[in-house]
Amino acid sequence: MAQADGPDRALQGQEHLTTTSEQGRFCVARCTCGWRGPARRARSQARTDAEGHAVGA
């Protein structure tokens, strides 16, 4: 049986580490898994998006 290669195999068991970054007037949450949240004007909302992703992942 062939082994699965690609992103799914590489990310199994990997912890989701989120960060936020500013892009002009907006703040965006990102994760080490490749997930990216919507651009938000409020940093607090971007952090909430990141927390929600980490919990739901």
N, C-alpha and C. Protein backbone atom coordinates (compact mmCIF):
# COMPACT_ATOMS: atom_id res chain seq x y z
N MET A 1 0.84 -1.17 0.00
CA MET A 1 0.00 0.00 0.00
C MET A 1 0.89 1.25 0.00
N ALA A 2 0.56 2.22 -0.82
CA ALA A 2 1.36 3.44 -0.95
C ALA A 2 1.10 4.37 0.22
N GLN A 3 2.14 5.08 0.63
CA GLN A 3 1.98 6.06 1.70
C GLN A 3 1.44 7.36 1.11
N ALA A 4 0.64 8.05 1.89
CA ALA A 4 0.09 9.34 1.45
C ALA A 4 1.15 10.42 1.66
N ASP A 5 1.38 11.20 0.65
CA ASP A 5 2.29 12.34 0.74
C ASP A 5 1.46 13.61 0.63
N GLY A 6 2.09 14.73 0.90
CA GLY A 6 1.40 16.00 0.74
C GLY A 6 1.09 16.66 2.06
N PRO A 7 0.32 17.76 1.99
CA PRO A 7 0.08 18.57 3.18
C PRO A 7 -0.61 17.83 4.31
N ASP A 8 -1.58 16.95 4.00
CA ASP A 8 -2.30 16.25 5.07
C ASP A 8 -1.37 15.38 5.89
N ARG A 9 -0.48 14.69 5.22
CA ARG A 9 0.46 13.83 5.93
C ARG A 9 1.45 14.67 6.74
N ALA A 10 1.92 15.75 6.17
CA ALA A 10 2.92 16.58 6.84
C ALA A 10 2.36 17.26 8.09
N LEU A 11 1.04 17.52 8.13
CA LEU A 11 0.47 18.28 9.23
C LEU A 11 -0.15 17.41 10.32
N GLN A 12 -0.17 16.10 10.14
CA GLN A 12 -0.77 15.25 11.15
C GLN A 12 -0.01 15.40 12.46
N GLY A 13 -0.73 15.68 13.52
CA GLY A 13 -0.12 15.81 14.84
C GLY A 13 0.57 17.14 15.08
N GLN A 14 0.56 18.02 14.10
CA GLN A 14 1.22 19.32 14.26
C GLN A 14 0.32 20.26 15.05
N GLU A 15 0.91 21.00 15.97
CA GLU A 15 0.16 21.97 16.75
C GLU A 15 -0.14 23.19 15.89
N HIS A 16 -1.32 23.75 16.06
CA HIS A 16 -1.71 24.94 15.32
C HIS A 16 -1.22 26.17 16.08
N LEU A 17 -0.27 26.88 15.51
CA LEU A 17 0.28 28.08 16.13
C LEU A 17 -0.19 29.28 15.33
N THR A 18 -0.96 30.14 15.97
CA THR A 18 -1.53 31.29 15.29
C THR A 18 -0.81 32.58 15.65
N THR A 19 -0.84 33.51 14.70
CA THR A 19 -0.28 34.84 14.90
C THR A 19 -1.22 35.84 14.23
N THR A 20 -1.04 37.10 14.55
CA THR A 20 -1.75 38.15 13.84
C THR A 20 -0.72 39.09 13.25
N SER A 21 -1.07 39.66 12.10
CA SER A 21 -0.17 40.63 11.46
C SER A 21 -1.00 41.76 10.88
N GLU A 22 -0.39 42.91 10.81
CA GLU A 22 -1.08 44.08 10.29
C GLU A 22 -0.79 44.25 8.81
N GLN A 23 -1.85 44.59 8.08
CA GLN A 23 -1.74 44.88 6.65
C GLN A 23 -2.48 46.19 6.41
N GLY A 24 -1.74 47.27 6.46
CA GLY A 24 -2.38 48.58 6.34
C GLY A 24 -3.27 48.84 7.53
N ARG A 25 -4.54 49.14 7.29
CA ARG A 25 -5.50 49.40 8.37
C ARG A 25 -6.14 48.13 8.91
N PHE A 26 -5.75 46.99 8.40
CA PHE A 26 -6.39 45.73 8.79
C PHE A 26 -5.42 44.82 9.52
N CYS A 27 -5.98 43.88 10.26
CA CYS A 27 -5.22 42.88 10.98
C CYS A 27 -5.72 41.51 10.52
N VAL A 28 -4.80 40.59 10.29
CA VAL A 28 -5.14 39.27 9.77
C VAL A 28 -4.54 38.21 10.69
N ALA A 29 -5.34 37.19 11.00
CA ALA A 29 -4.86 36.04 11.77
C ALA A 29 -4.38 34.97 10.80
N ARG A 30 -3.27 34.32 11.13
CA ARG A 30 -2.72 33.25 10.31
C ARG A 30 -2.30 32.10 11.21
N CYS A 31 -2.21 30.91 10.60
CA CYS A 31 -1.82 29.72 11.33
C CYS A 31 -0.70 29.00 10.59
N THR A 32 0.08 28.23 11.32
CA THR A 32 1.16 27.46 10.71
C THR A 32 0.65 26.39 9.76
N CYS A 33 -0.64 26.04 9.86
CA CYS A 33 -1.21 25.02 8.96
C CYS A 33 -1.58 25.60 7.60
N GLY A 34 -1.50 26.93 7.45
CA GLY A 34 -1.85 27.56 6.18
C GLY A 34 -3.16 28.31 6.22
N TRP A 35 -3.92 28.15 7.29
CA TRP A 35 -5.20 28.86 7.44
C TRP A 35 -4.95 30.35 7.55
N ARG A 36 -5.86 31.15 7.00
CA ARG A 36 -5.78 32.61 7.09
C ARG A 36 -7.19 33.12 7.35
N GLY A 37 -7.33 33.94 8.37
CA GLY A 37 -8.63 34.51 8.71
C GLY A 37 -8.92 35.74 7.85
N PRO A 38 -10.13 36.24 7.95
CA PRO A 38 -10.50 37.45 7.20
C PRO A 38 -9.80 38.68 7.75
N ALA A 39 -9.61 39.67 6.92
CA ALA A 39 -9.01 40.93 7.36
C ALA A 39 -10.01 41.65 8.26
N ARG A 40 -9.53 42.10 9.39
CA ARG A 40 -10.39 42.77 10.37
C ARG A 40 -9.80 44.13 10.71
N ARG A 41 -10.65 45.10 10.99
CA ARG A 41 -10.16 46.40 11.44
C ARG A 41 -9.78 46.35 12.91
N ALA A 42 -10.43 45.50 13.68
CA ALA A 42 -10.15 45.40 15.11
C ALA A 42 -9.18 44.25 15.37
N ARG A 43 -8.06 44.57 16.01
CA ARG A 43 -7.08 43.53 16.37
C ARG A 43 -7.72 42.46 17.25
N SER A 44 -8.59 42.90 18.16
CA SER A 44 -9.23 41.96 19.07
C SER A 44 -10.06 40.93 18.31
N GLN A 45 -10.70 41.33 17.23
CA GLN A 45 -11.50 40.39 16.45
C GLN A 45 -10.60 39.41 15.70
N ALA A 46 -9.47 39.87 15.20
CA ALA A 46 -8.51 38.97 14.54
C ALA A 46 -7.98 37.95 15.53
N ARG A 47 -7.70 38.38 16.77
CA ARG A 47 -7.25 37.44 17.80
C ARG A 47 -8.34 36.42 18.13
N THR A 48 -9.59 36.86 18.16
CA THR A 48 -10.71 35.95 18.40
C THR A 48 -10.82 34.93 17.28
N ASP A 49 -10.63 35.37 16.03
CA ASP A 49 -10.64 34.45 14.90
C ASP A 49 -9.55 33.38 15.07
N ALA A 50 -8.34 33.82 15.47
CA ALA A 50 -7.22 32.91 15.65
C ALA A 50 -7.51 31.90 16.76
N GLU A 51 -8.06 32.36 17.87
CA GLU A 51 -8.40 31.47 18.98
C GLU A 51 -9.45 30.44 18.55
N GLY A 52 -10.44 30.89 17.79
CA GLY A 52 -11.48 29.99 17.30
C GLY A 52 -10.93 28.94 16.38
N HIS A 53 -9.97 29.31 15.55
CA HIS A 53 -9.35 28.34 14.64
C HIS A 53 -8.55 27.31 15.43
N ALA A 54 -7.76 27.77 16.39
CA ALA A 54 -6.91 26.86 17.15
C ALA A 54 -7.75 25.85 17.95
N VAL A 55 -8.88 26.29 18.48
CA VAL A 55 -9.75 25.41 19.25
C VAL A 55 -10.48 24.42 18.34
N GLY A 56 -10.93 24.90 17.18
CA GLY A 56 -11.71 24.07 16.27
C GLY A 56 -10.89 23.18 15.36
N ALA A 57 -9.58 23.35 15.34
CA ALA A 57 -8.73 22.59 14.43
C ALA A 57 -8.51 21.18 14.89
